[in-house]
Amino acid sequence: MKAIALLEVQAMVAAITGLDAMVKAADVKLIHVEKRLGGRLVTVVVEGEVSAVRAALDAGAAAAAEVGKVKCCEVIARPHPDVMAFLTTG
């Protein structure tokens, strides 16, 4: 079953650190990056199997928290096609 994980952090360094941990921890693929406030608020989105994205999100949030502030993180199992279209446009 496909799922996505969203990790929103304060600061680009925390985002990169969290993303690095996510892709190293599990078989997930980066599908979207959203930068707001000049890169002071960054959201990364990865996709994969439910268990993989959960493991990746746990690892990513822990790593990001060591160097910055984690604002929010969430796993969405079986995202609706409209959600995927929103993430892959632009």
PDB file of N, CA and C in Angstrom:
ATOM      1  N   MET A   1       0.840  -1.173   0.000  1.00  0.00           N
ATOM      2  CA  MET A   1       0.000   0.000   0.000  1.00  0.00           C
ATOM      3  C   MET A   1       0.887   1.238   0.000  1.00  0.00           C
ATOM      4  N   LYS A   2       0.623   2.168  -0.864  1.00  0.00           N
ATOM      5  CA  LYS A   2       1.414   3.398  -0.962  1.00  0.00           C
ATOM      6  C   LYS A   2       0.989   4.387   0.108  1.00  0.00           C
ATOM      7  N   ALA A   3       1.942   5.205   0.513  1.00  0.00           N
ATOM      8  CA  ALA A   3       1.688   6.243   1.506  1.00  0.00           C
ATOM      9  C   ALA A   3       2.658   7.387   1.260  1.00  0.00           C
ATOM     10  N   ILE A   4       2.349   8.539   1.871  1.00  0.00           N
ATOM     11  CA  ILE A   4       3.270   9.657   1.854  1.00  0.00           C
ATOM     12  C   ILE A   4       3.536  10.087   3.289  1.00  0.00           C
ATOM     13  N   ALA A   5       4.702  10.647   3.501  1.00  0.00           N
ATOM     14  CA  ALA A   5       5.058  11.216   4.802  1.00  0.00           C
ATOM     15  C   ALA A   5       5.459  12.657   4.574  1.00  0.00           C
ATOM     16  N   LEU A   6       4.963  13.538   5.427  1.00  0.00           N
ATOM     17  CA  LEU A   6       5.273  14.958   5.362  1.00  0.00           C
ATOM     18  C   LEU A   6       6.025  15.348   6.621  1.00  0.00           C
ATOM     19  N   LEU A   7       7.143  16.021   6.437  1.00  0.00           N
ATOM     20  CA  LEU A   7       7.952  16.511   7.550  1.00  0.00           C
ATOM     21  C   LEU A   7       8.137  18.005   7.354  1.00  0.00           C
ATOM     22  N   GLU A   8       7.593  18.789   8.268  1.00  0.00           N
ATOM     23  CA  GLU A   8       7.723  20.241   8.186  1.00  0.00           C
ATOM     24  C   GLU A   8       8.619  20.722   9.321  1.00  0.00           C
ATOM     25  N   VAL A   9       9.646  21.463   8.942  1.00  0.00           N
ATOM     26  CA  VAL A   9      10.635  21.918   9.920  1.00  0.00           C
ATOM     27  C   VAL A   9      10.932  23.394   9.731  1.00  0.00           C
ATOM     28  N   GLN A  10      11.507  23.952  10.759  1.00  0.00           N
ATOM     29  CA  GLN A  10      11.937  25.339  10.700  1.00  0.00           C
ATOM     30  C   GLN A  10      13.414  25.331  10.337  1.00  0.00           C
ATOM     31  N   ALA A  11      13.752  25.892   9.190  1.00  0.00           N
ATOM     32  CA  ALA A  11      15.129  26.067   8.701  1.00  0.00           C
ATOM     33  C   ALA A  11      15.526  24.980   7.705  1.00  0.00           C
ATOM     34  N   MET A  12      16.243  25.411   6.698  1.00  0.00           N
ATOM     35  CA  MET A  12      16.687  24.535   5.614  1.00  0.00           C
ATOM     36  C   MET A  12      17.641  23.448   6.109  1.00  0.00           C
ATOM     37  N   VAL A  13      18.531  23.765   7.024  1.00  0.00           N
ATOM     38  CA  VAL A  13      19.486  22.771   7.521  1.00  0.00           C
ATOM     39  C   VAL A  13      18.742  21.618   8.188  1.00  0.00           C
ATOM     40  N   ALA A  14      17.732  21.921   8.980  1.00  0.00           N
ATOM     41  CA  ALA A  14      16.950  20.867   9.627  1.00  0.00           C
ATOM     42  C   ALA A  14      16.225  20.019   8.577  1.00  0.00           C
ATOM     43  N   ALA A  15      15.737  20.653   7.516  1.00  0.00           N
ATOM     44  CA  ALA A  15      15.048  19.913   6.450  1.00  0.00           C
ATOM     45  C   ALA A  15      15.989  18.945   5.748  1.00  0.00           C
ATOM     46  N   ILE A  16      17.175  19.414   5.424  1.00  0.00           N
ATOM     47  CA  ILE A  16      18.140  18.556   4.734  1.00  0.00           C
ATOM     48  C   ILE A  16      18.599  17.426   5.648  1.00  0.00           C
ATOM     49  N   THR A  17      18.838  17.736   6.906  1.00  0.00           N
ATOM     50  CA  THR A  17      19.239  16.705   7.869  1.00  0.00           C
ATOM     51  C   THR A  17      18.141  15.662   8.021  1.00  0.00           C
ATOM     52  N   GLY A  18      16.897  16.117   8.142  1.00  0.00           N
ATOM     53  CA  GLY A  18      15.774  15.194   8.278  1.00  0.00           C
ATOM     54  C   GLY A  18      15.574  14.351   7.036  1.00  0.00           C
ATOM     55  N   LEU A  19      15.666  14.977   5.867  1.00  0.00           N
ATOM     56  CA  LEU A  19      15.508  14.235   4.615  1.00  0.00           C
ATOM     57  C   LEU A  19      16.600  13.194   4.444  1.00  0.00           C
ATOM     58  N   ASP A  20      17.822  13.554   4.769  1.00  0.00           N
ATOM     59  CA  ASP A  20      18.930  12.600   4.672  1.00  0.00           C
ATOM     60  C   ASP A  20      18.653  11.370   5.537  1.00  0.00           C
ATOM     61  N   ALA A  21      18.190  11.593   6.753  1.00  0.00           N
ATOM     62  CA  ALA A  21      17.872  10.472   7.639  1.00  0.00           C
ATOM     63  C   ALA A  21      16.710   9.647   7.096  1.00  0.00           C
ATOM     64  N   MET A  22      15.732  10.313   6.492  1.00  0.00           N
ATOM     65  CA  MET A  22      14.564   9.601   5.963  1.00  0.00           C
ATOM     66  C   MET A  22      14.953   8.643   4.836  1.00  0.00           C
ATOM     67  N   VAL A  23      15.719   9.135   3.886  1.00  0.00           N
ATOM     68  CA  VAL A  23      16.046   8.278   2.739  1.00  0.00           C
ATOM     69  C   VAL A  23      17.065   7.191   3.087  1.00  0.00           C
ATOM     70  N   LYS A  24      17.834   7.417   4.151  1.00  0.00           N
ATOM     71  CA  LYS A  24      18.767   6.385   4.602  1.00  0.00           C
ATOM     72  C   LYS A  24      18.078   5.320   5.455  1.00  0.00           C
ATOM     73  N   ALA A  25      16.987   5.691   6.124  1.00  0.00           N
ATOM     74  CA  ALA A  25      16.329   4.783   7.066  1.00  0.00           C
ATOM     75  C   ALA A  25      15.413   3.767   6.397  1.00  0.00           C
ATOM     76  N   ALA A  26      14.857   4.122   5.247  1.00  0.00           N
ATOM     77  CA  ALA A  26      13.857   3.239   4.627  1.00  0.00           C
ATOM     78  C   ALA A  26      13.821   3.461   3.119  1.00  0.00           C
ATOM     79  N   ASP A  27      13.113   2.578   2.451  1.00  0.00           N
ATOM     80  CA  ASP A  27      12.987   2.642   0.999  1.00  0.00           C
ATOM     81  C   ASP A  27      11.888   3.635   0.626  1.00  0.00           C
ATOM     82  N   VAL A  28      12.241   4.921   0.644  1.00  0.00           N
ATOM     83  CA  VAL A  28      11.311   5.982   0.283  1.00  0.00           C
ATOM     84  C   VAL A  28      11.947   6.871  -0.772  1.00  0.00           C
ATOM     85  N   LYS A  29      11.098   7.656  -1.467  1.00  0.00           N
ATOM     86  CA  LYS A  29      11.567   8.528  -2.531  1.00  0.00           C
ATOM     87  C   LYS A  29      11.024   9.930  -2.292  1.00  0.00           C
ATOM     88  N   LEU A  30      11.880  10.923  -2.423  1.00  0.00           N
ATOM     89  CA  LEU A  30      11.465  12.313  -2.305  1.00  0.00           C
ATOM     90  C   LEU A  30      10.578  12.675  -3.496  1.00  0.00           C
ATOM     91  N   ILE A  31       9.395  13.248  -3.211  1.00  0.00           N
ATOM     92  CA  ILE A  31       8.512  13.640  -4.309  1.00  0.00           C
ATOM     93  C   ILE A  31       8.192  15.132  -4.317  1.00  0.00           C
ATOM     94  N   HIS A  32       8.443  15.823  -3.205  1.00  0.00           N
ATOM     95  CA  HIS A  32       8.082  17.241  -3.173  1.00  0.00           C
ATOM     96  C   HIS A  32       8.829  17.961  -2.054  1.00  0.00           C
ATOM     97  N   VAL A  33       9.211  19.208  -2.341  1.00  0.00           N
ATOM     98  CA  VAL A  33       9.790  20.099  -1.336  1.00  0.00           C
ATOM     99  C   VAL A  33       9.070  21.434  -1.449  1.00  0.00           C
ATOM    100  N   GLU A  34       8.634  21.943  -0.336  1.00  0.00           N
ATOM    101  CA  GLU A  34       7.944  23.233  -0.303  1.00  0.00           C
ATOM    102  C   GLU A  34       8.707  24.153   0.644  1.00  0.00           C
ATOM    103  N   LYS A  35       9.132  25.307   0.127  1.00  0.00           N
ATOM    104  CA  LYS A  35       9.857  26.283   0.945  1.00  0.00           C
ATOM    105  C   LYS A  35       9.001  27.531   1.103  1.00  0.00           C
ATOM    106  N   ARG A  36       8.849  27.978   2.323  1.00  0.00           N
ATOM    107  CA  ARG A  36       8.089  29.184   2.633  1.00  0.00           C
ATOM    108  C   ARG A  36       8.935  30.113   3.494  1.00  0.00           C
ATOM    109  N   LEU A  37       8.564  31.356   3.491  1.00  0.00           N
ATOM    110  CA  LEU A  37       9.245  32.358   4.313  1.00  0.00           C
ATOM    111  C   LEU A  37      10.742  32.391   4.032  1.00  0.00           C
ATOM    112  N   GLY A  38      11.099  32.336   2.773  1.00  0.00           N
ATOM    113  CA  GLY A  38      12.504  32.402   2.395  1.00  0.00           C
ATOM    114  C   GLY A  38      13.322  31.207   2.848  1.00  0.00           C
ATOM    115  N   GLY A  39      12.688  30.051   2.978  1.00  0.00           N
ATOM    116  CA  GLY A  39      13.406  28.845   3.410  1.00  0.00           C
ATOM    117  C   GLY A  39      13.416  28.657   4.910  1.00  0.00           C
ATOM    118  N   ARG A  40      12.732  29.532   5.637  1.00  0.00           N
ATOM    119  CA  ARG A  40      12.693  29.380   7.095  1.00  0.00           C
ATOM    120  C   ARG A  40      11.692  28.323   7.530  1.00  0.00           C
ATOM    121  N   LEU A  41      10.767  27.957   6.650  1.00  0.00           N
ATOM    122  CA  LEU A  41       9.818  26.883   6.906  1.00  0.00           C
ATOM    123  C   LEU A  41       9.834  25.969   5.685  1.00  0.00           C
ATOM    124  N   VAL A  42      10.221  24.723   5.880  1.00  0.00           N
ATOM    125  CA  VAL A  42      10.408  23.792   4.767  1.00  0.00           C
ATOM    126  C   VAL A  42       9.631  22.509   5.046  1.00  0.00           C
ATOM    127  N   THR A  43       8.909  22.048   4.025  1.00  0.00           N
ATOM    128  CA  THR A  43       8.206  20.774   4.112  1.00  0.00           C
ATOM    129  C   THR A  43       8.772  19.840   3.055  1.00  0.00           C
ATOM    130  N   VAL A  44       9.138  18.633   3.471  1.00  0.00           N
ATOM    131  CA  VAL A  44       9.576  17.608   2.524  1.00  0.00           C
ATOM    132  C   VAL A  44       8.548  16.484   2.541  1.00  0.00           C
ATOM    133  N   VAL A  45       8.302  15.913   1.365  1.00  0.00           N
ATOM    134  CA  VAL A  45       7.323  14.836   1.229  1.00  0.00           C
ATOM    135  C   VAL A  45       8.009  13.661   0.554  1.00  0.00           C
ATOM    136  N   VAL A  46       7.883  12.493   1.171  1.00  0.00           N
ATOM    137  CA  VAL A  46       8.428  11.264   0.588  1.00  0.00           C
ATOM    138  C   VAL A  46       7.291  10.276   0.399  1.00  0.00           C
ATOM    139  N   GLU A  47       7.501   9.320  -0.521  1.00  0.00           N
ATOM    140  CA  GLU A  47       6.494   8.282  -0.731  1.00  0.00           C
ATOM    141  C   GLU A  47       7.140   6.915  -0.679  1.00  0.00           C
ATOM    142  N   GLY A  48       6.304   5.919  -0.404  1.00  0.00           N
ATOM    143  CA  GLY A  48       6.746   4.532  -0.334  1.00  0.00           C
ATOM    144  C   GLY A  48       5.646   3.701   0.300  1.00  0.00           C
ATOM    145  N   GLU A  49       6.004   2.525   0.727  1.00  0.00           N
ATOM    146  CA  GLU A  49       5.048   1.678   1.443  1.00  0.00           C
ATOM    147  C   GLU A  49       4.802   2.260   2.830  1.00  0.00           C
ATOM    148  N   VAL A  50       3.649   1.953   3.416  1.00  0.00           N
ATOM    149  CA  VAL A  50       3.259   2.546   4.693  1.00  0.00           C
ATOM    150  C   VAL A  50       4.329   2.336   5.767  1.00  0.00           C
ATOM    151  N   SER A  51       4.792   1.124   5.919  1.00  0.00           N
ATOM    152  CA  SER A  51       5.792   0.852   6.954  1.00  0.00           C
ATOM    153  C   SER A  51       7.092   1.601   6.698  1.00  0.00           C
ATOM    154  N   ALA A  52       7.454   1.745   5.438  1.00  0.00           N
ATOM    155  CA  ALA A  52       8.685   2.458   5.101  1.00  0.00           C
ATOM    156  C   ALA A  52       8.566   3.944   5.400  1.00  0.00           C
ATOM    157  N   VAL A  53       7.436   4.560   5.034  1.00  0.00           N
ATOM    158  CA  VAL A  53       7.314   5.992   5.294  1.00  0.00           C
ATOM    159  C   VAL A  53       7.190   6.284   6.779  1.00  0.00           C
ATOM    160  N   ARG A  54       6.584   5.382   7.538  1.00  0.00           N
ATOM    161  CA  ARG A  54       6.516   5.573   8.997  1.00  0.00           C
ATOM    162  C   ARG A  54       7.919   5.522   9.606  1.00  0.00           C
ATOM    163  N   ALA A  55       8.705   4.533   9.192  1.00  0.00           N
ATOM    164  CA  ALA A  55      10.075   4.420   9.698  1.00  0.00           C
ATOM    165  C   ALA A  55      10.914   5.622   9.275  1.00  0.00           C
ATOM    166  N   ALA A  56      10.747   6.041   8.031  1.00  0.00           N
ATOM    167  CA  ALA A  56      11.492   7.193   7.537  1.00  0.00           C
ATOM    168  C   ALA A  56      11.118   8.458   8.294  1.00  0.00           C
ATOM    169  N   LEU A  57       9.835   8.647   8.547  1.00  0.00           N
ATOM    170  CA  LEU A  57       9.391   9.847   9.256  1.00  0.00           C
ATOM    171  C   LEU A  57       9.909   9.871  10.690  1.00  0.00           C
ATOM    172  N   ASP A  58       9.893   8.735  11.352  1.00  0.00           N
ATOM    173  CA  ASP A  58      10.447   8.675  12.715  1.00  0.00           C
ATOM    174  C   ASP A  58      11.917   9.075  12.716  1.00  0.00           C
ATOM    175  N   ALA A  59      12.675   8.521  11.792  1.00  0.00           N
ATOM    176  CA  ALA A  59      14.109   8.826  11.712  1.00  0.00           C
ATOM    177  C   ALA A  59      14.340  10.280  11.321  1.00  0.00           C
ATOM    178  N   GLY A  60      13.581  10.769  10.360  1.00  0.00           N
ATOM    179  CA  GLY A  60      13.742  12.136   9.892  1.00  0.00           C
ATOM    180  C   GLY A  60      13.388  13.170  10.942  1.00  0.00           C
ATOM    181  N   ALA A  61      12.305  12.943  11.648  1.00  0.00           N
ATOM    182  CA  ALA A  61      11.899  13.884  12.692  1.00  0.00           C
ATOM    183  C   ALA A  61      12.920  13.919  13.824  1.00  0.00           C
ATOM    184  N   ALA A  62      13.441  12.764  14.194  1.00  0.00           N
ATOM    185  CA  ALA A  62      14.447  12.716  15.267  1.00  0.00           C
ATOM    186  C   ALA A  62      15.721  13.442  14.847  1.00  0.00           C
ATOM    187  N   ALA A  63      16.170  13.207  13.631  1.00  0.00           N
ATOM    188  CA  ALA A  63      17.391  13.857  13.153  1.00  0.00           C
ATOM    189  C   ALA A  63      17.206  15.366  13.016  1.00  0.00           C
ATOM    190  N   ALA A  64      16.069  15.778  12.474  1.00  0.00           N
ATOM    191  CA  ALA A  64      15.803  17.207  12.301  1.00  0.00           C
ATOM    192  C   ALA A  64      15.697  17.923  13.646  1.00  0.00           C
ATOM    193  N   ALA A  65      15.127  17.264  14.628  1.00  0.00           N
ATOM    194  CA  ALA A  65      14.968  17.864  15.955  1.00  0.00           C
ATOM    195  C   ALA A  65      16.307  18.125  16.638  1.00  0.00           C
ATOM    196  N   GLU A  66      17.339  17.395  16.234  1.00  0.00           N
ATOM    197  CA  GLU A  66      18.664  17.601  16.826  1.00  0.00           C
ATOM    198  C   GLU A  66      19.305  18.906  16.371  1.00  0.00           C
ATOM    199  N   VAL A  67      18.910  19.411  15.194  1.00  0.00           N
ATOM    200  CA  VAL A  67      19.540  20.625  14.661  1.00  0.00           C
ATOM    201  C   VAL A  67      18.568  21.785  14.463  1.00  0.00           C
ATOM    202  N   GLY A  68      17.282  21.542  14.646  1.00  0.00           N
ATOM    203  CA  GLY A  68      16.292  22.587  14.429  1.00  0.00           C
ATOM    204  C   GLY A  68      14.989  22.233  15.101  1.00  0.00           C
ATOM    205  N   LYS A  69      13.927  22.872  14.667  1.00  0.00           N
ATOM    206  CA  LYS A  69      12.617  22.663  15.266  1.00  0.00           C
ATOM    207  C   LYS A  69      11.687  21.974  14.273  1.00  0.00           C
ATOM    208  N   VAL A  70      11.118  20.854  14.690  1.00  0.00           N
ATOM    209  CA  VAL A  70      10.126  20.142  13.884  1.00  0.00           C
ATOM    210  C   VAL A  70       8.771  20.765  14.185  1.00  0.00           C
ATOM    211  N   LYS A  71       8.119  21.267  13.140  1.00  0.00           N
ATOM    212  CA  LYS A  71       6.823  21.911  13.308  1.00  0.00           C
ATOM    213  C   LYS A  71       5.678  20.903  13.240  1.00  0.00           C
ATOM    214  N   CYS A  72       5.775  19.950  12.317  1.00  0.00           N
ATOM    215  CA  CYS A  72       4.687  19.008  12.120  1.00  0.00           C
ATOM    216  C   CYS A  72       5.191  17.817  11.312  1.00  0.00           C
ATOM    217  N   CYS A  73       4.630  16.654  11.554  1.00  0.00           N
ATOM    218  CA  CYS A  73       4.930  15.497  10.715  1.00  0.00           C
ATOM    219  C   CYS A  73       3.695  14.608  10.670  1.00  0.00           C
ATOM    220  N   GLU A  74       3.496  13.985   9.514  1.00  0.00           N
ATOM    221  CA  GLU A  74       2.281  13.201   9.313  1.00  0.00           C
ATOM    222  C   GLU A  74       2.495  12.142   8.238  1.00  0.00           C
ATOM    223  N   VAL A  75       1.840  10.993   8.413  1.00  0.00           N
ATOM    224  CA  VAL A  75       1.807   9.938   7.401  1.00  0.00           C
ATOM    225  C   VAL A  75       0.390   9.862   6.862  1.00  0.00           C
ATOM    226  N   ILE A  76       0.249   9.821   5.561  1.00  0.00           N
ATOM    227  CA  ILE A  76      -1.055   9.651   4.927  1.00  0.00           C
ATOM    228  C   ILE A  76      -1.001   8.382   4.089  1.00  0.00           C
ATOM    229  N   ALA A  77      -1.747   7.376   4.519  1.00  0.00           N
ATOM    230  CA  ALA A  77      -1.823   6.117   3.773  1.00  0.00           C
ATOM    231  C   ALA A  77      -2.833   6.260   2.645  1.00  0.00           C
ATOM    232  N   ARG A  78      -2.521   5.675   1.510  1.00  0.00           N
ATOM    233  CA  ARG A  78      -3.392   5.690   0.330  1.00  0.00           C
ATOM    234  C   ARG A  78      -3.918   7.097   0.031  1.00  0.00           C
ATOM    235  N   PRO A  79      -3.026   8.055  -0.220  1.00  0.00           N
ATOM    236  CA  PRO A  79      -3.496   9.416  -0.491  1.00  0.00           C
ATOM    237  C   PRO A  79      -4.373   9.468  -1.739  1.00  0.00           C
ATOM    238  N   HIS A  80      -5.360  10.317  -1.703  1.00  0.00           N
ATOM    239  CA  HIS A  80      -6.281  10.502  -2.833  1.00  0.00           C
ATOM    240  C   HIS A  80      -5.489  11.012  -4.038  1.00  0.00           C
ATOM    241  N   PRO A  81      -5.874  10.623  -5.242  1.00  0.00           N
ATOM    242  CA  PRO A  81      -5.168  11.104  -6.445  1.00  0.00           C
ATOM    243  C   PRO A  81      -5.085  12.629  -6.543  1.00  0.00           C
ATOM    244  N   ASP A  82      -6.090  13.343  -6.034  1.00  0.00           N
ATOM    245  CA  ASP A  82      -6.049  14.806  -6.060  1.00  0.00           C
ATOM    246  C   ASP A  82      -4.928  15.348  -5.162  1.00  0.00           C
ATOM    247  N   VAL A  83      -4.662  14.672  -4.064  1.00  0.00           N
ATOM    248  CA  VAL A  83      -3.559  15.074  -3.188  1.00  0.00           C
ATOM    249  C   VAL A  83      -2.241  14.868  -3.918  1.00  0.00           C
ATOM    250  N   MET A  84      -2.101  13.756  -4.590  1.00  0.00           N
ATOM    251  CA  MET A  84      -0.868  13.487  -5.336  1.00  0.00           C
ATOM    252  C   MET A  84      -0.703  14.480  -6.470  1.00  0.00           C
ATOM    253  N   ALA A  85      -1.772  14.859  -7.135  1.00  0.00           N
ATOM    254  CA  ALA A  85      -1.697  15.853  -8.203  1.00  0.00           C
ATOM    255  C   ALA A  85      -1.251  17.199  -7.639  1.00  0.00           C
ATOM    256  N   PHE A  86      -1.731  17.551  -6.471  1.00  0.00           N
ATOM    257  CA  PHE A  86      -1.327  18.794  -5.811  1.00  0.00           C
ATOM    258  C   PHE A  86       0.166  18.795  -5.529  1.00  0.00           C
ATOM    259  N   LEU A  87       0.703  17.662  -5.102  1.00  0.00           N
ATOM    260  CA  LEU A  87       2.119  17.575  -4.740  1.00  0.00           C
ATOM    261  C   LEU A  87       3.034  17.528  -5.952  1.00  0.00           C
ATOM    262  N   THR A  88       2.543  17.030  -7.070  1.00  0.00           N
ATOM    263  CA  THR A  88       3.422  16.849  -8.226  1.00  0.00           C
ATOM    264  C   THR A  88       3.255  17.929  -9.293  1.00  0.00           C
ATOM    265  N   THR A  89       2.383  18.900  -9.076  1.00  0.00           N
ATOM    266  CA  THR A  89       2.243  19.986 -10.053  1.00  0.00           C
ATOM    267  C   THR A  89       3.196  21.114  -9.703  1.00  0.00           C
ATOM    268  N   GLY A  90       3.506  21.921 -10.700  1.00  0.00           N
ATOM    269  CA  GLY A  90       4.355  23.080 -10.463  1.00  0.00           C
ATOM    270  C   GLY A  90       5.765  22.711 -10.629  1.00  0.00           C
TER     271      GLY A  90
END
